[in-house]
Amino acid sequence: MIGAMTARACAIVALLLSAASPALAAEPEVVRFQVGDKELHWNVPEGYCPPKGQMASLAQMMATMDTQNVTVLTLYACDATLTKLDRYILVKAPVAALMATLERDQFLKLMEAEFDTPAFKAFLDKDDVNGTIDKGMETLFGAKTQTSGKVVPMGMDDSCAIIGGSMTMQTQQAQVAIGVGGCLTTAAGKAILVATYEGYDGPDTVRTLVQRSRDFALSIIAENEAPTN
């Protein structure tokens, strides 16, 4: 009898302890990526995963379409598939700045000046950008597309040169609209673009993505730069 009562008491205590102790959250996955001569790391945001298998192949193929930047990290929504790719993150590094080490305020001043140049605005207005995407899609996937829309400068703050916009890709089978928000900044002295993408549903989509990209960029900075007193 005493043994049975003791067993029941232990079971009750164990139950109470388990109820009082919150389950430990899973440790976030850490990814490492190379920007020039610098290795950076980042805790993968909740809901995103590094691509594997066919999705990794897709990420590599998409990266080849951008000849001005090196895509150093791709993260897709964890439930993404080849036919469901509506939310993802790209971290890019400008090819021209791979070897440079830049203070953030110096880099942002350079970007602010660049945003105002007629040459930069003309580049964004050219149809060549969308034409390059269409050619890349046909080369990689054998799909003829017609891309419209553009990404434009949206201002500066103390951490980011901000870009945002939307693109619509029309194929024979479907039309896909994607919003994008981006933060151009530096982390540990290396120039990066953190860009977030999601299905476009109006201007609020772009505002949300701009904030998201900024938050992600700041977390990369925080994880790779020692605090200063």
C-alpha atoms as a PDB file:
ATOM      1  CA  MET A   1       0.000   0.000   0.000  1.00  0.00           C
ATOM      2  CA  ILE A   2       2.764   2.434   0.985  1.00  0.00           C
ATOM      3  CA  GLY A   3       4.629   1.586  -2.200  1.00  0.00           C
ATOM      4  CA  ALA A   4       1.548   2.253  -4.327  1.00  0.00           C
ATOM      5  CA  MET A   5       0.882   5.562  -2.552  1.00  0.00           C
ATOM      6  CA  THR A   6       4.512   6.625  -3.019  1.00  0.00           C
ATOM      7  CA  ALA A   7       4.336   5.791  -6.725  1.00  0.00           C
ATOM      8  CA  ARG A   8       1.160   7.817  -7.134  1.00  0.00           C
ATOM      9  CA  ALA A   9       2.672  10.735  -5.222  1.00  0.00           C
ATOM     10  CA  CYS A  10       5.771  10.670  -7.437  1.00  0.00           C
ATOM     11  CA  ALA A  11       3.602  10.605 -10.525  1.00  0.00           C
ATOM     12  CA  ILE A  12       1.613  13.627  -9.298  1.00  0.00           C
ATOM     13  CA  VAL A  13       4.797  15.540  -8.465  1.00  0.00           C
ATOM     14  CA  ALA A  14       6.246  14.735 -11.886  1.00  0.00           C
ATOM     15  CA  LEU A  15       3.043  15.914 -13.551  1.00  0.00           C
ATOM     16  CA  LEU A  16       3.075  19.176 -11.598  1.00  0.00           C
ATOM     17  CA  LEU A  17       6.734  19.786 -12.413  1.00  0.00           C
ATOM     18  CA  SER A  18       6.186  19.171 -16.100  1.00  0.00           C
ATOM     19  CA  ALA A  19       3.246  21.572 -16.136  1.00  0.00           C
ATOM     20  CA  ALA A  20       5.232  24.235 -14.299  1.00  0.00           C
ATOM     21  CA  SER A  21       8.306  23.916 -16.536  1.00  0.00           C
ATOM     22  CA  PRO A  22       7.830  25.329 -20.032  1.00  0.00           C
ATOM     23  CA  ALA A  23       9.089  23.194 -22.879  1.00  0.00           C
ATOM     24  CA  LEU A  24      12.466  24.334 -24.119  1.00  0.00           C
ATOM     25  CA  ALA A  25      12.250  26.079 -27.479  1.00  0.00           C
ATOM     26  CA  ALA A  26      14.152  24.490 -30.310  1.00  0.00           C
ATOM     27  CA  GLU A  27      17.502  26.130 -30.945  1.00  0.00           C
ATOM     28  CA  PRO A  28      17.425  28.236 -34.125  1.00  0.00           C
ATOM     29  CA  GLU A  29      19.491  26.942 -37.008  1.00  0.00           C
ATOM     30  CA  VAL A  30      22.633  28.936 -37.702  1.00  0.00           C
ATOM     31  CA  VAL A  31      23.739  29.472 -41.305  1.00  0.00           C
ATOM     32  CA  ARG A  32      27.176  30.688 -42.364  1.00  0.00           C
ATOM     33  CA  PHE A  33      27.902  32.518 -45.592  1.00  0.00           C
ATOM     34  CA  GLN A  34      30.928  34.110 -47.183  1.00  0.00           C
ATOM     35  CA  VAL A  35      31.125  37.745 -48.328  1.00  0.00           C
ATOM     36  CA  GLY A  36      34.508  38.307 -49.912  1.00  0.00           C
ATOM     37  CA  ASP A  37      37.094  37.428 -47.280  1.00  0.00           C
ATOM     38  CA  LYS A  38      34.617  37.570 -44.386  1.00  0.00           C
ATOM     39  CA  GLU A  39      32.476  34.743 -43.036  1.00  0.00           C
ATOM     40  CA  LEU A  40      29.184  35.879 -41.540  1.00  0.00           C
ATOM     41  CA  HIS A  41      26.619  33.889 -39.586  1.00  0.00           C
ATOM     42  CA  TRP A  42      22.910  34.292 -38.875  1.00  0.00           C
ATOM     43  CA  ASN A  43      20.200  32.575 -36.875  1.00  0.00           C
ATOM     44  CA  VAL A  44      17.651  31.494 -39.472  1.00  0.00           C
ATOM     45  CA  PRO A  45      14.374  33.406 -38.937  1.00  0.00           C
ATOM     46  CA  GLU A  46      11.376  31.363 -37.847  1.00  0.00           C
ATOM     47  CA  GLY A  47       9.425  29.943 -40.776  1.00  0.00           C
ATOM     48  CA  TYR A  48      12.386  29.925 -43.162  1.00  0.00           C
ATOM     49  CA  CYS A  49      14.746  27.076 -44.016  1.00  0.00           C
ATOM     50  CA  PRO A  50      17.920  26.644 -46.080  1.00  0.00           C
ATOM     51  CA  PRO A  51      17.017  24.957 -49.377  1.00  0.00           C
ATOM     52  CA  LYS A  52      17.735  21.268 -49.871  1.00  0.00           C
ATOM     53  CA  GLY A  53      17.460  18.846 -52.774  1.00  0.00           C
ATOM     54  CA  GLN A  54      15.594  20.264 -55.746  1.00  0.00           C
ATOM     55  CA  MET A  55      15.080  23.561 -53.915  1.00  0.00           C
ATOM     56  CA  ALA A  56      18.841  23.937 -53.501  1.00  0.00           C
ATOM     57  CA  SER A  57      19.265  23.372 -57.233  1.00  0.00           C
ATOM     58  CA  LEU A  58      16.610  26.011 -57.902  1.00  0.00           C
ATOM     59  CA  ALA A  59      18.421  28.473 -55.615  1.00  0.00           C
ATOM     60  CA  GLN A  60      21.670  27.931 -57.501  1.00  0.00           C
ATOM     61  CA  MET A  61      19.931  28.409 -60.849  1.00  0.00           C
ATOM     62  CA  MET A  62      18.212  31.605 -59.694  1.00  0.00           C
ATOM     63  CA  ALA A  63      21.523  32.982 -58.418  1.00  0.00           C
ATOM     64  CA  THR A  64      23.059  32.750 -61.888  1.00  0.00           C
ATOM     65  CA  MET A  65      20.502  35.244 -63.231  1.00  0.00           C
ATOM     66  CA  ASP A  66      22.065  38.130 -61.260  1.00  0.00           C
ATOM     67  CA  THR A  67      25.426  39.056 -62.740  1.00  0.00           C
ATOM     68  CA  GLN A  68      25.866  42.234 -60.669  1.00  0.00           C
ATOM     69  CA  ASN A  69      25.687  40.524 -57.276  1.00  0.00           C
ATOM     70  CA  VAL A  70      26.773  37.301 -55.632  1.00  0.00           C
ATOM     71  CA  THR A  71      23.856  35.567 -53.913  1.00  0.00           C
ATOM     72  CA  VAL A  72      25.527  34.458 -50.690  1.00  0.00           C
ATOM     73  CA  LEU A  73      22.429  33.081 -48.953  1.00  0.00           C
ATOM     74  CA  THR A  74      18.986  31.851 -50.003  1.00  0.00           C
ATOM     75  CA  LEU A  75      16.265  30.950 -47.514  1.00  0.00           C
ATOM     76  CA  TYR A  76      12.838  29.710 -48.598  1.00  0.00           C
ATOM     77  CA  ALA A  77       9.662  29.325 -46.576  1.00  0.00           C
ATOM     78  CA  CYS A  78       9.976  25.914 -44.924  1.00  0.00           C
ATOM     79  CA  ASP A  79       6.937  24.607 -46.827  1.00  0.00           C
ATOM     80  CA  ALA A  80       8.173  25.882 -50.207  1.00  0.00           C
ATOM     81  CA  THR A  81       8.091  23.604 -53.242  1.00  0.00           C
ATOM     82  CA  LEU A  82       8.935  24.078 -56.912  1.00  0.00           C
ATOM     83  CA  THR A  83       5.284  24.995 -57.513  1.00  0.00           C
ATOM     84  CA  LYS A  84       4.828  26.993 -54.297  1.00  0.00           C
ATOM     85  CA  LEU A  85       7.514  29.622 -53.983  1.00  0.00           C
ATOM     86  CA  ASP A  86       5.846  32.757 -52.656  1.00  0.00           C
ATOM     87  CA  ARG A  87       8.016  33.766 -49.672  1.00  0.00           C
ATOM     88  CA  TYR A  88      11.797  33.845 -49.471  1.00  0.00           C
ATOM     89  CA  ILE A  89      14.910  35.784 -48.452  1.00  0.00           C
ATOM     90  CA  LEU A  90      17.984  36.530 -50.547  1.00  0.00           C
ATOM     91  CA  VAL A  91      21.204  37.954 -49.133  1.00  0.00           C
ATOM     92  CA  LYS A  92      23.401  39.370 -51.884  1.00  0.00           C
ATOM     93  CA  ALA A  93      26.784  41.064 -52.047  1.00  0.00           C
ATOM     94  CA  PRO A  94      27.671  43.525 -54.832  1.00  0.00           C
ATOM     95  CA  VAL A  95      30.435  42.050 -56.974  1.00  0.00           C
ATOM     96  CA  ALA A  96      32.167  45.442 -57.202  1.00  0.00           C
ATOM     97  CA  ALA A  97      32.451  45.684 -53.394  1.00  0.00           C
ATOM     98  CA  LEU A  98      33.425  42.125 -52.472  1.00  0.00           C
ATOM     99  CA  MET A  99      37.011  43.041 -51.618  1.00  0.00           C
ATOM    100  CA  ALA A 100      36.180  46.342 -49.907  1.00  0.00           C
ATOM    101  CA  THR A 101      35.769  47.005 -46.196  1.00  0.00           C
ATOM    102  CA  LEU A 102      33.327  49.854 -45.573  1.00  0.00           C
ATOM    103  CA  GLU A 103      32.010  51.636 -42.515  1.00  0.00           C
ATOM    104  CA  ARG A 104      28.212  51.710 -42.564  1.00  0.00           C
ATOM    105  CA  ASP A 105      27.877  55.506 -42.568  1.00  0.00           C
ATOM    106  CA  GLN A 106      30.407  55.726 -45.400  1.00  0.00           C
ATOM    107  CA  PHE A 107      28.534  53.099 -47.420  1.00  0.00           C
ATOM    108  CA  LEU A 108      25.144  54.740 -46.845  1.00  0.00           C
ATOM    109  CA  LYS A 109      26.476  58.120 -47.980  1.00  0.00           C
ATOM    110  CA  LEU A 110      27.726  56.476 -51.159  1.00  0.00           C
ATOM    111  CA  MET A 111      24.334  54.830 -51.713  1.00  0.00           C
ATOM    112  CA  GLU A 112      22.443  58.061 -51.033  1.00  0.00           C
ATOM    113  CA  ALA A 113      24.515  59.831 -53.662  1.00  0.00           C
ATOM    114  CA  GLU A 114      24.040  56.938 -56.095  1.00  0.00           C
ATOM    115  CA  PHE A 115      20.267  56.952 -55.607  1.00  0.00           C
ATOM    116  CA  ASP A 116      20.179  60.556 -56.873  1.00  0.00           C
ATOM    117  CA  THR A 117      22.252  60.096 -60.009  1.00  0.00           C
ATOM    118  CA  PRO A 118      20.460  60.245 -63.383  1.00  0.00           C
ATOM    119  CA  ALA A 119      22.428  57.179 -64.500  1.00  0.00           C
ATOM    120  CA  PHE A 120      21.075  55.064 -61.624  1.00  0.00           C
ATOM    121  CA  LYS A 121      17.505  56.211 -62.199  1.00  0.00           C
ATOM    122  CA  ALA A 122      17.861  55.534 -65.914  1.00  0.00           C
ATOM    123  CA  PHE A 123      19.143  52.039 -65.141  1.00  0.00           C
ATOM    124  CA  LEU A 124      16.067  51.291 -63.026  1.00  0.00           C
ATOM    125  CA  ASP A 125      13.770  52.638 -65.755  1.00  0.00           C
ATOM    126  CA  LYS A 126      15.320  50.534 -68.522  1.00  0.00           C
ATOM    127  CA  ASP A 127      13.390  47.563 -69.869  1.00  0.00           C
ATOM    128  CA  ASP A 128      16.691  45.645 -69.977  1.00  0.00           C
ATOM    129  CA  VAL A 129      16.284  44.540 -66.344  1.00  0.00           C
ATOM    130  CA  ASN A 130      12.985  42.789 -66.977  1.00  0.00           C
ATOM    131  CA  GLY A 131      14.318  41.506 -70.295  1.00  0.00           C
ATOM    132  CA  THR A 132      17.259  39.920 -68.485  1.00  0.00           C
ATOM    133  CA  ILE A 133      14.865  38.151 -66.117  1.00  0.00           C
ATOM    134  CA  ASP A 134      12.819  36.859 -69.053  1.00  0.00           C
ATOM    135  CA  LYS A 135      15.913  35.550 -70.820  1.00  0.00           C
ATOM    136  CA  GLY A 136      17.123  33.912 -67.627  1.00  0.00           C
ATOM    137  CA  MET A 137      13.790  32.199 -67.009  1.00  0.00           C
ATOM    138  CA  GLU A 138      13.717  30.845 -70.561  1.00  0.00           C
ATOM    139  CA  THR A 139      17.322  29.633 -70.348  1.00  0.00           C
ATOM    140  CA  LEU A 140      16.930  27.991 -66.946  1.00  0.00           C
ATOM    141  CA  PHE A 141      13.391  26.643 -67.089  1.00  0.00           C
ATOM    142  CA  GLY A 142      12.449  26.695 -70.773  1.00  0.00           C
ATOM    143  CA  ALA A 143       9.522  28.958 -69.921  1.00  0.00           C
ATOM    144  CA  LYS A 144       8.737  32.077 -71.915  1.00  0.00           C
ATOM    145  CA  THR A 145       7.812  34.896 -69.570  1.00  0.00           C
ATOM    146  CA  GLN A 146       6.952  38.566 -69.839  1.00  0.00           C
ATOM    147  CA  THR A 147       8.051  40.526 -66.772  1.00  0.00           C
ATOM    148  CA  SER A 148       6.772  43.972 -65.843  1.00  0.00           C
ATOM    149  CA  GLY A 149       7.176  46.235 -62.836  1.00  0.00           C
ATOM    150  CA  LYS A 150      10.327  47.448 -61.123  1.00  0.00           C
ATOM    151  CA  VAL A 151      12.166  47.990 -57.864  1.00  0.00           C
ATOM    152  CA  VAL A 152      12.966  51.595 -56.906  1.00  0.00           C
ATOM    153  CA  PRO A 153      14.814  53.523 -54.165  1.00  0.00           C
ATOM    154  CA  MET A 154      12.520  54.274 -51.233  1.00  0.00           C
ATOM    155  CA  GLY A 155      14.739  56.403 -49.033  1.00  0.00           C
ATOM    156  CA  MET A 156      17.431  56.152 -46.398  1.00  0.00           C
ATOM    157  CA  ASP A 157      17.660  55.747 -42.655  1.00  0.00           C
ATOM    158  CA  ASP A 158      20.572  55.314 -40.263  1.00  0.00           C
ATOM    159  CA  SER A 159      20.902  51.615 -41.087  1.00  0.00           C
ATOM    160  CA  CYS A 160      19.685  51.020 -44.645  1.00  0.00           C
ATOM    161  CA  ALA A 161      19.437  52.310 -48.141  1.00  0.00           C
ATOM    162  CA  ILE A 162      15.906  51.106 -48.810  1.00  0.00           C
ATOM    163  CA  ILE A 163      14.517  49.686 -52.038  1.00  0.00           C
ATOM    164  CA  GLY A 164      11.139  48.194 -52.810  1.00  0.00           C
ATOM    165  CA  GLY A 165       8.621  47.428 -55.508  1.00  0.00           C
ATOM    166  CA  SER A 166       6.846  44.619 -57.286  1.00  0.00           C
ATOM    167  CA  MET A 167       7.155  42.513 -60.401  1.00  0.00           C
ATOM    168  CA  THR A 168       4.578  40.596 -62.374  1.00  0.00           C
ATOM    169  CA  MET A 169       5.632  37.575 -64.410  1.00  0.00           C
ATOM    170  CA  GLN A 170       3.240  36.381 -67.082  1.00  0.00           C
ATOM    171  CA  THR A 171       3.581  32.892 -68.542  1.00  0.00           C
ATOM    172  CA  GLN A 172       1.290  30.871 -70.778  1.00  0.00           C
ATOM    173  CA  GLN A 173      -0.051  29.062 -67.727  1.00  0.00           C
ATOM    174  CA  ALA A 174      -0.286  31.741 -65.046  1.00  0.00           C
ATOM    175  CA  GLN A 175       0.458  35.227 -63.824  1.00  0.00           C
ATOM    176  CA  VAL A 176       2.519  35.692 -60.665  1.00  0.00           C
ATOM    177  CA  ALA A 177       2.928  38.973 -58.775  1.00  0.00           C
ATOM    178  CA  ILE A 178       5.780  39.238 -56.285  1.00  0.00           C
ATOM    179  CA  GLY A 179       6.522  42.097 -53.899  1.00  0.00           C
ATOM    180  CA  VAL A 180      10.045  42.885 -52.739  1.00  0.00           C
ATOM    181  CA  GLY A 181      11.620  44.974 -50.022  1.00  0.00           C
ATOM    182  CA  GLY A 182      15.337  45.405 -49.547  1.00  0.00           C
ATOM    183  CA  CYS A 183      17.898  46.885 -47.185  1.00  0.00           C
ATOM    184  CA  LEU A 184      21.348  47.782 -48.526  1.00  0.00           C
ATOM    185  CA  THR A 185      23.793  48.054 -45.650  1.00  0.00           C
ATOM    186  CA  THR A 186      27.031  46.662 -44.251  1.00  0.00           C
ATOM    187  CA  ALA A 187      27.654  43.901 -41.736  1.00  0.00           C
ATOM    188  CA  ALA A 188      31.124  43.538 -40.229  1.00  0.00           C
ATOM    189  CA  GLY A 189      32.359  45.947 -42.880  1.00  0.00           C
ATOM    190  CA  LYS A 190      30.976  44.047 -45.882  1.00  0.00           C
ATOM    191  CA  ALA A 191      28.317  45.479 -48.200  1.00  0.00           C
ATOM    192  CA  ILE A 192      25.172  43.335 -48.387  1.00  0.00           C
ATOM    193  CA  LEU A 193      21.629  43.515 -49.668  1.00  0.00           C
ATOM    194  CA  VAL A 194      18.995  41.742 -47.591  1.00  0.00           C
ATOM    195  CA  ALA A 195      15.909  41.313 -49.775  1.00  0.00           C
ATOM    196  CA  THR A 196      12.613  39.726 -48.794  1.00  0.00           C
ATOM    197  CA  TYR A 197       9.962  38.521 -51.239  1.00  0.00           C
ATOM    198  CA  GLU A 198       6.300  37.593 -50.908  1.00  0.00           C
ATOM    199  CA  GLY A 199       3.187  37.398 -53.040  1.00  0.00           C
ATOM    200  CA  TYR A 200       2.135  40.960 -53.943  1.00  0.00           C
ATOM    201  CA  ASP A 201      -1.212  42.176 -52.630  1.00  0.00           C
ATOM    202  CA  GLY A 202      -0.907  45.943 -52.952  1.00  0.00           C
ATOM    203  CA  PRO A 203       1.357  48.697 -51.555  1.00  0.00           C
ATOM    204  CA  ASP A 204       1.067  47.397 -47.988  1.00  0.00           C
ATOM    205  CA  THR A 205       2.937  44.276 -49.113  1.00  0.00           C
ATOM    206  CA  VAL A 206       5.950  46.370 -50.079  1.00  0.00           C
ATOM    207  CA  ARG A 207       5.874  48.351 -46.828  1.00  0.00           C
ATOM    208  CA  THR A 208       5.758  45.111 -44.840  1.00  0.00           C
ATOM    209  CA  LEU A 209       8.639  43.622 -46.820  1.00  0.00           C
ATOM    210  CA  VAL A 210      10.763  46.755 -46.428  1.00  0.00           C
ATOM    211  CA  GLN A 211      10.336  46.566 -42.648  1.00  0.00           C
ATOM    212  CA  ARG A 212      11.014  42.840 -42.678  1.00  0.00           C
ATOM    213  CA  SER A 213      14.205  43.214 -44.697  1.00  0.00           C
ATOM    214  CA  ARG A 214      15.386  45.972 -42.360  1.00  0.00           C
ATOM    215  CA  ASP A 215      14.698  43.845 -39.281  1.00  0.00           C
ATOM    216  CA  PHE A 216      16.565  40.912 -40.810  1.00  0.00           C
ATOM    217  CA  ALA A 217      19.517  43.115 -41.789  1.00  0.00           C
ATOM    218  CA  LEU A 218      19.742  44.528 -38.272  1.00  0.00           C
ATOM    219  CA  SER A 219      19.762  41.022 -36.812  1.00  0.00           C
ATOM    220  CA  ILE A 220      22.624  40.018 -39.129  1.00  0.00           C
ATOM    221  CA  ILE A 221      24.517  43.141 -38.034  1.00  0.00           C
ATOM    222  CA  ALA A 222      23.877  42.434 -34.345  1.00  0.00           C
ATOM    223  CA  GLU A 223      25.052  38.844 -34.630  1.00  0.00           C
ATOM    224  CA  ASN A 224      28.280  39.729 -36.454  1.00  0.00           C
ATOM    225  CA  GLU A 225      29.432  42.972 -34.879  1.00  0.00           C
ATOM    226  CA  ALA A 226      30.723  43.255 -31.356  1.00  0.00           C
ATOM    227  CA  PRO A 227      28.878  45.901 -29.337  1.00  0.00           C
ATOM    228  CA  THR A 228      30.839  49.077 -28.685  1.00  0.00           C
ATOM    229  CA  ASN A 229      30.761  50.929 -25.366  1.00  0.00           C
END
